[in-house]
């Protein structure tokens, strides 16, 4: 544990930020998990409806600095690839 007052504050601020980032990442993972579950179940219409919310969650995480821009782009690309593959197979 640090002895200097400013260092103690940094520890507290870093913990708070880490918890916020953890929460935001968890939210994005939940959106992705729900979207993937819809794809696995073959619910194309519901997946189509959930897609904008999932993409928005990823974009919001990038804006907040939780994910890097390219990381979110790769995740979005993977989701779209799965969605389009399912769409093409039906």
N, C-alpha and C. Protein backbone atom coordinates (compact mmCIF):
# COMPACT_ATOMS: atom_id res chain seq x y z
N UNK A 1 0.84 -1.18 0.00
CA UNK A 1 0.00 0.00 0.00
C UNK A 1 0.89 1.25 0.00
N UNK A 2 0.57 2.20 -0.83
CA UNK A 2 1.39 3.41 -0.89
C UNK A 2 1.26 4.26 0.37
N UNK A 3 2.30 5.07 0.61
CA UNK A 3 2.31 5.94 1.78
C UNK A 3 1.92 7.38 1.44
N UNK A 4 2.18 7.78 0.22
CA UNK A 4 1.93 9.14 -0.20
C UNK A 4 0.45 9.31 -0.53
N UNK A 5 -0.09 10.45 -0.12
CA UNK A 5 -1.53 10.70 -0.27
C UNK A 5 -1.98 10.60 -1.73
N UNK A 6 -1.23 11.19 -2.65
CA UNK A 6 -1.63 11.15 -4.07
C UNK A 6 -1.56 9.73 -4.62
N UNK A 7 -0.60 8.96 -4.15
CA UNK A 7 -0.49 7.57 -4.60
C UNK A 7 -1.67 6.74 -4.07
N UNK A 8 -2.07 7.03 -2.84
CA UNK A 8 -3.24 6.34 -2.28
C UNK A 8 -4.48 6.65 -3.10
N UNK A 9 -4.61 7.92 -3.49
CA UNK A 9 -5.76 8.32 -4.30
C UNK A 9 -5.73 7.62 -5.66
N UNK A 10 -4.56 7.52 -6.26
CA UNK A 10 -4.43 6.85 -7.56
C UNK A 10 -4.90 5.40 -7.45
N UNK A 11 -4.55 4.73 -6.37
CA UNK A 11 -4.98 3.35 -6.18
C UNK A 11 -6.50 3.26 -6.15
N UNK A 12 -7.12 4.17 -5.41
CA UNK A 12 -8.58 4.17 -5.31
C UNK A 12 -9.23 4.48 -6.66
N UNK A 13 -8.69 5.47 -7.37
CA UNK A 13 -9.24 5.85 -8.67
C UNK A 13 -9.08 4.71 -9.66
N UNK A 14 -7.91 4.06 -9.64
CA UNK A 14 -7.68 2.94 -10.56
C UNK A 14 -8.62 1.78 -10.28
N UNK A 15 -8.88 1.50 -9.01
CA UNK A 15 -9.83 0.43 -8.67
C UNK A 15 -11.23 0.77 -9.18
N UNK A 16 -11.62 2.02 -8.99
CA UNK A 16 -12.95 2.45 -9.43
C UNK A 16 -13.08 2.33 -10.95
N UNK A 17 -12.06 2.80 -11.68
CA UNK A 17 -12.07 2.71 -13.13
C UNK A 17 -12.07 1.27 -13.60
N UNK A 18 -11.30 0.41 -12.93
CA UNK A 18 -11.24 -1.00 -13.30
C UNK A 18 -12.61 -1.65 -13.14
N UNK A 19 -13.32 -1.30 -12.07
CA UNK A 19 -14.66 -1.85 -11.85
C UNK A 19 -15.64 -1.38 -12.92
N UNK A 20 -15.53 -0.11 -13.30
CA UNK A 20 -16.41 0.41 -14.35
C UNK A 20 -16.12 -0.28 -15.68
N UNK A 21 -14.83 -0.43 -16.01
CA UNK A 21 -14.46 -1.11 -17.26
C UNK A 21 -14.92 -2.56 -17.25
N UNK A 22 -14.79 -3.21 -16.10
CA UNK A 22 -15.22 -4.60 -15.98
C UNK A 22 -16.71 -4.72 -16.24
N UNK A 23 -17.47 -3.79 -15.68
CA UNK A 23 -18.91 -3.77 -15.87
C UNK A 23 -19.27 -3.55 -17.34
N UNK A 24 -18.59 -2.60 -17.97
CA UNK A 24 -18.87 -2.31 -19.38
C UNK A 24 -18.52 -3.50 -20.28
N UNK A 25 -17.40 -4.16 -20.00
CA UNK A 25 -17.02 -5.34 -20.79
C UNK A 25 -18.03 -6.46 -20.60
N UNK A 26 -18.50 -6.61 -19.38
CA UNK A 26 -19.49 -7.64 -19.10
C UNK A 26 -20.78 -7.38 -19.87
N UNK A 27 -21.18 -6.12 -19.94
CA UNK A 27 -22.39 -5.76 -20.68
C UNK A 27 -22.25 -6.11 -22.16
N UNK A 28 -21.09 -5.79 -22.73
CA UNK A 28 -20.86 -6.09 -24.15
C UNK A 28 -20.86 -7.60 -24.37
N UNK A 29 -20.20 -8.33 -23.48
CA UNK A 29 -20.17 -9.79 -23.62
C UNK A 29 -21.57 -10.38 -23.53
N UNK A 30 -22.42 -9.80 -22.70
CA UNK A 30 -23.80 -10.28 -22.59
C UNK A 30 -24.56 -10.06 -23.89
N UNK A 31 -24.41 -8.88 -24.50
CA UNK A 31 -25.05 -8.62 -25.79
C UNK A 31 -24.57 -9.63 -26.84
N UNK A 32 -23.26 -9.87 -26.87
CA UNK A 32 -22.69 -10.80 -27.85
C UNK A 32 -23.19 -12.21 -27.59
N UNK A 33 -23.23 -12.61 -26.32
CA UNK A 33 -23.69 -13.95 -25.97
C UNK A 33 -25.15 -14.14 -26.38
N UNK A 34 -25.99 -13.14 -26.12
CA UNK A 34 -27.40 -13.25 -26.49
C UNK A 34 -27.57 -13.30 -28.01
N UNK A 35 -26.78 -12.51 -28.72
CA UNK A 35 -26.85 -12.51 -30.19
C UNK A 35 -26.43 -13.88 -30.73
N UNK A 36 -25.33 -14.42 -30.19
CA UNK A 36 -24.86 -15.73 -30.64
C UNK A 36 -25.87 -16.83 -30.30
N UNK A 37 -26.56 -16.71 -29.18
CA UNK A 37 -27.58 -17.69 -28.81
C UNK A 37 -28.72 -17.66 -29.81
N UNK A 38 -29.09 -16.46 -30.26
CA UNK A 38 -30.15 -16.36 -31.27
C UNK A 38 -29.69 -16.99 -32.58
N UNK A 39 -28.43 -16.78 -32.95
CA UNK A 39 -27.92 -17.39 -34.18
C UNK A 39 -27.88 -18.91 -34.06
N UNK A 40 -27.46 -19.41 -32.91
CA UNK A 40 -27.40 -20.86 -32.70
C UNK A 40 -28.79 -21.49 -32.76
N UNK A 41 -29.78 -20.75 -32.27
CA UNK A 41 -31.15 -21.26 -32.29
C UNK A 41 -31.78 -21.12 -33.68
N UNK A 42 -31.15 -20.34 -34.55
CA UNK A 42 -31.66 -20.17 -35.90
C UNK A 42 -32.74 -19.11 -36.01
N UNK A 43 -32.87 -18.27 -35.01
CA UNK A 43 -33.86 -17.19 -35.03
C UNK A 43 -33.31 -15.99 -35.80
N UNK A 44 -33.46 -16.04 -37.09
CA UNK A 44 -32.89 -15.00 -37.95
C UNK A 44 -33.55 -13.65 -37.74
N UNK A 45 -34.87 -13.64 -37.56
CA UNK A 45 -35.58 -12.37 -37.39
C UNK A 45 -35.21 -11.70 -36.07
N UNK A 46 -35.14 -12.50 -35.02
CA UNK A 46 -34.78 -11.94 -33.71
C UNK A 46 -33.32 -11.50 -33.70
N UNK A 47 -32.46 -12.26 -34.37
CA UNK A 47 -31.05 -11.89 -34.46
C UNK A 47 -30.90 -10.58 -35.24
N UNK A 48 -31.71 -10.43 -36.29
CA UNK A 48 -31.69 -9.19 -37.08
C UNK A 48 -32.08 -8.00 -36.20
N UNK A 49 -33.04 -8.22 -35.31
CA UNK A 49 -33.49 -7.15 -34.41
C UNK A 49 -32.45 -6.85 -33.33
N UNK A 50 -31.71 -7.86 -32.88
CA UNK A 50 -30.73 -7.68 -31.81
C UNK A 50 -29.40 -7.14 -32.33
N UNK A 51 -29.19 -7.24 -33.63
CA UNK A 51 -27.91 -6.82 -34.21
C UNK A 51 -27.58 -5.35 -33.96
N UNK A 52 -28.49 -4.40 -34.19
CA UNK A 52 -28.13 -2.99 -33.96
C UNK A 52 -27.76 -2.69 -32.50
N UNK A 53 -28.46 -3.32 -31.57
CA UNK A 53 -28.15 -3.09 -30.15
C UNK A 53 -26.77 -3.64 -29.80
N UNK A 54 -26.43 -4.78 -30.37
CA UNK A 54 -25.12 -5.38 -30.12
C UNK A 54 -24.01 -4.51 -30.70
N UNK A 55 -24.20 -4.03 -31.91
CA UNK A 55 -23.21 -3.16 -32.54
C UNK A 55 -23.08 -1.84 -31.77
N UNK A 56 -24.20 -1.32 -31.31
CA UNK A 56 -24.17 -0.07 -30.55
C UNK A 56 -23.43 -0.25 -29.23
N UNK A 57 -23.60 -1.40 -28.59
CA UNK A 57 -22.89 -1.66 -27.34
C UNK A 57 -21.38 -1.70 -27.57
N UNK A 58 -20.97 -2.31 -28.68
CA UNK A 58 -19.54 -2.34 -29.01
C UNK A 58 -19.02 -0.94 -29.29
N UNK A 59 -19.78 -0.16 -30.06
CA UNK A 59 -19.35 1.21 -30.37
C UNK A 59 -19.27 2.07 -29.11
N UNK A 60 -20.21 1.87 -28.21
CA UNK A 60 -20.22 2.62 -26.96
C UNK A 60 -18.99 2.26 -26.11
N UNK A 61 -18.62 0.99 -26.11
CA UNK A 61 -17.43 0.55 -25.36
C UNK A 61 -16.17 1.18 -25.94
N UNK A 62 -16.12 1.34 -27.25
CA UNK A 62 -14.96 1.99 -27.88
C UNK A 62 -14.92 3.45 -27.47
N UNK A 63 -16.06 4.10 -27.47
CA UNK A 63 -16.14 5.51 -27.09
C UNK A 63 -15.67 5.72 -25.65
N UNK A 64 -16.03 4.78 -24.77
CA UNK A 64 -15.64 4.88 -23.37
C UNK A 64 -14.18 4.48 -23.15
N UNK A 65 -13.55 3.89 -24.15
CA UNK A 65 -12.16 3.48 -24.02
C UNK A 65 -11.99 2.10 -23.43
N UNK A 66 -13.06 1.32 -23.38
CA UNK A 66 -12.98 -0.02 -22.82
C UNK A 66 -12.32 -0.97 -23.83
N UNK A 67 -12.68 -0.84 -25.09
CA UNK A 67 -12.10 -1.63 -26.17
C UNK A 67 -11.37 -0.71 -27.13
N UNK A 68 -10.33 -1.24 -27.76
CA UNK A 68 -9.66 -0.51 -28.83
C UNK A 68 -10.55 -0.56 -30.07
N UNK A 69 -10.36 0.39 -30.95
CA UNK A 69 -11.20 0.51 -32.14
C UNK A 69 -11.13 -0.76 -33.00
N UNK A 70 -9.92 -1.27 -33.21
CA UNK A 70 -9.77 -2.45 -34.06
C UNK A 70 -10.32 -3.71 -33.40
N UNK A 71 -10.22 -3.79 -32.08
CA UNK A 71 -10.78 -4.95 -31.37
C UNK A 71 -12.28 -5.01 -31.58
N UNK A 72 -12.94 -3.88 -31.42
CA UNK A 72 -14.39 -3.83 -31.63
C UNK A 72 -14.73 -4.13 -33.08
N UNK A 73 -13.92 -3.62 -34.00
CA UNK A 73 -14.17 -3.87 -35.42
C UNK A 73 -14.06 -5.36 -35.73
N UNK A 74 -13.08 -6.03 -35.12
CA UNK A 74 -12.92 -7.47 -35.33
C UNK A 74 -14.10 -8.24 -34.75
N UNK A 75 -14.57 -7.83 -33.59
CA UNK A 75 -15.73 -8.50 -32.98
C UNK A 75 -16.98 -8.30 -33.84
N UNK A 76 -17.18 -7.07 -34.32
CA UNK A 76 -18.33 -6.78 -35.17
C UNK A 76 -18.25 -7.57 -36.48
N UNK A 77 -17.06 -7.66 -37.03
CA UNK A 77 -16.87 -8.40 -38.27
C UNK A 77 -17.21 -9.87 -38.08
N UNK A 78 -16.78 -10.43 -36.97
CA UNK A 78 -17.07 -11.84 -36.69
C UNK A 78 -18.55 -12.09 -36.52
N UNK A 79 -19.22 -11.18 -35.84
CA UNK A 79 -20.68 -11.32 -35.66
C UNK A 79 -21.41 -11.24 -37.00
N UNK A 80 -21.00 -10.28 -37.82
CA UNK A 80 -21.64 -10.13 -39.13
C UNK A 80 -21.37 -11.34 -40.03
N UNK A 81 -20.16 -11.88 -39.93
CA UNK A 81 -19.81 -13.05 -40.73
C UNK A 81 -20.71 -14.23 -40.36
N UNK A 82 -20.92 -14.45 -39.05
CA UNK A 82 -21.80 -15.54 -38.61
C UNK A 82 -23.24 -15.27 -39.05
N UNK A 83 -23.68 -14.03 -38.89
CA UNK A 83 -25.05 -13.67 -39.25
C UNK A 83 -25.29 -13.88 -40.75
N UNK A 84 -24.36 -13.40 -41.58
CA UNK A 84 -24.52 -13.53 -43.03
C UNK A 84 -24.44 -14.99 -43.47
N UNK A 85 -23.62 -15.79 -42.80
CA UNK A 85 -23.54 -17.21 -43.14
C UNK A 85 -24.87 -17.90 -42.86
N UNK A 86 -25.47 -17.58 -41.74
CA UNK A 86 -26.77 -18.16 -41.39
C UNK A 86 -27.85 -17.68 -42.37
N UNK A 87 -27.77 -16.40 -42.71
CA UNK A 87 -28.74 -15.82 -43.64
C UNK A 87 -28.65 -16.47 -45.01
N UNK A 88 -27.42 -16.74 -45.45
CA UNK A 88 -27.21 -17.35 -46.76
C UNK A 88 -27.64 -18.81 -46.78
N UNK A 89 -27.53 -19.49 -45.64
CA UNK A 89 -27.88 -20.91 -45.59
C UNK A 89 -29.39 -21.12 -45.55
N UNK A 90 -30.14 -20.08 -45.23
CA UNK A 90 -31.61 -20.26 -45.14
C UNK A 90 -32.30 -19.82 -46.38
